[in-house]
Amino acid sequence: MQKWQITFVDDHGQKTVEEVTCDQKPSLEDAAHMIRSKLVPIAAELDLNDLEGRKPEPTVKILKDQNSIQILDISPAA
């Protein structure tokens, strides 16, 4: 398993790096799920994909719109 660094701006406007372990580079949506489960654990249990007009990467959008959290980069950990 490889370690990855997810760089994001948190809800306080500060740049933060979270390290995760995955077999391959996580997608933006996967990274959003990982960040959401740590920062907003109650919301992590909700299904954010609407049934009508499904949106790609709903977790990424909700994190940015409702929690002011934006993922900037996903890179291999040094």
Protein backbone atom coordinates (compact mmCIF):
# COMPACT_ATOMS: atom_id res chain seq x y z
CA MET A 1 0.00 0.00 0.00
CA GLN A 2 1.19 3.46 -0.85
CA LYS A 3 0.82 6.63 1.20
CA TRP A 4 -0.80 9.70 -0.34
CA GLN A 5 -1.03 13.29 0.81
CA ILE A 6 -4.31 15.10 0.32
CA THR A 7 -3.80 18.87 0.46
CA PHE A 8 -6.92 20.91 1.08
CA VAL A 9 -8.18 24.22 2.44
CA ASP A 10 -10.19 23.58 5.60
CA ASP A 11 -13.26 25.42 6.85
CA HIS A 12 -11.02 27.99 8.60
CA GLY A 13 -9.22 28.86 5.36
CA GLN A 14 -6.01 27.12 6.39
CA LYS A 15 -4.06 24.83 4.06
CA THR A 16 -3.99 21.35 5.60
CA VAL A 17 -2.37 18.06 4.57
CA GLU A 18 -3.90 14.69 5.46
CA GLU A 19 -1.97 11.48 4.82
CA VAL A 20 -3.89 8.37 3.73
CA THR A 21 -2.91 4.85 2.69
CA CYS A 22 -4.37 3.38 -0.53
CA ASP A 23 -3.36 0.87 -3.21
CA GLN A 24 -3.60 3.53 -5.92
CA LYS A 25 -4.03 7.29 -6.13
CA PRO A 26 -7.47 8.18 -4.74
CA SER A 27 -9.87 10.01 -7.02
CA LEU A 28 -11.09 13.46 -6.05
CA GLU A 29 -14.37 11.92 -4.86
CA ASP A 30 -12.55 9.23 -2.81
CA ALA A 31 -10.35 11.91 -1.22
CA ALA A 32 -13.45 13.97 -0.41
CA HIS A 33 -14.99 10.95 1.35
CA MET A 34 -11.82 10.46 3.41
CA ILE A 35 -11.64 14.13 4.39
CA ARG A 36 -15.36 14.32 5.15
CA SER A 37 -15.24 11.26 7.42
CA LYS A 38 -12.53 12.94 9.54
CA LEU A 39 -13.79 16.53 9.57
CA VAL A 40 -17.57 16.07 9.36
CA PRO A 41 -18.22 12.53 10.68
CA ILE A 42 -22.01 12.87 11.02
CA ALA A 43 -22.40 14.02 7.41
CA ALA A 44 -20.16 11.17 6.25
CA GLU A 45 -23.07 8.77 6.77
CA LEU A 46 -25.39 10.66 4.40
CA ASP A 47 -25.91 9.78 0.75
CA LEU A 48 -25.25 13.06 -1.05
CA ASN A 49 -26.14 11.90 -4.55
CA ASP A 50 -29.55 13.16 -5.59
CA LEU A 51 -31.79 10.69 -7.36
CA GLU A 52 -32.83 13.05 -10.14
CA GLY A 53 -30.07 14.38 -12.39
CA ARG A 54 -27.21 12.65 -10.59
CA LYS A 55 -24.18 14.85 -10.24
CA PRO A 56 -20.57 13.68 -10.66
CA GLU A 57 -18.50 13.97 -7.48
CA PRO A 58 -21.33 15.02 -5.14
CA THR A 59 -19.12 14.85 -2.03
CA VAL A 60 -16.57 17.24 -3.54
CA LYS A 61 -19.33 19.74 -4.30
CA ILE A 62 -21.01 19.47 -0.88
CA LEU A 63 -17.69 19.86 0.97
CA LYS A 64 -16.96 23.04 -0.95
CA ASP A 65 -20.48 24.53 -0.92
CA GLN A 66 -21.58 23.67 2.62
CA ASN A 67 -18.34 23.25 4.57
CA SER A 68 -15.94 25.57 2.67
CA ILE A 69 -13.47 22.68 2.29
CA GLN A 70 -11.68 22.48 -1.06
CA ILE A 71 -9.22 19.77 -2.12
CA LEU A 72 -6.19 21.29 -3.81
CA ASP A 73 -3.91 18.33 -4.55
CA ILE A 74 -3.44 14.57 -4.17
CA SER A 75 0.20 13.49 -4.35
CA PRO A 76 2.44 10.61 -3.24
CA ALA A 77 3.80 11.04 0.28
CA ALA A 78 7.52 11.55 0.50
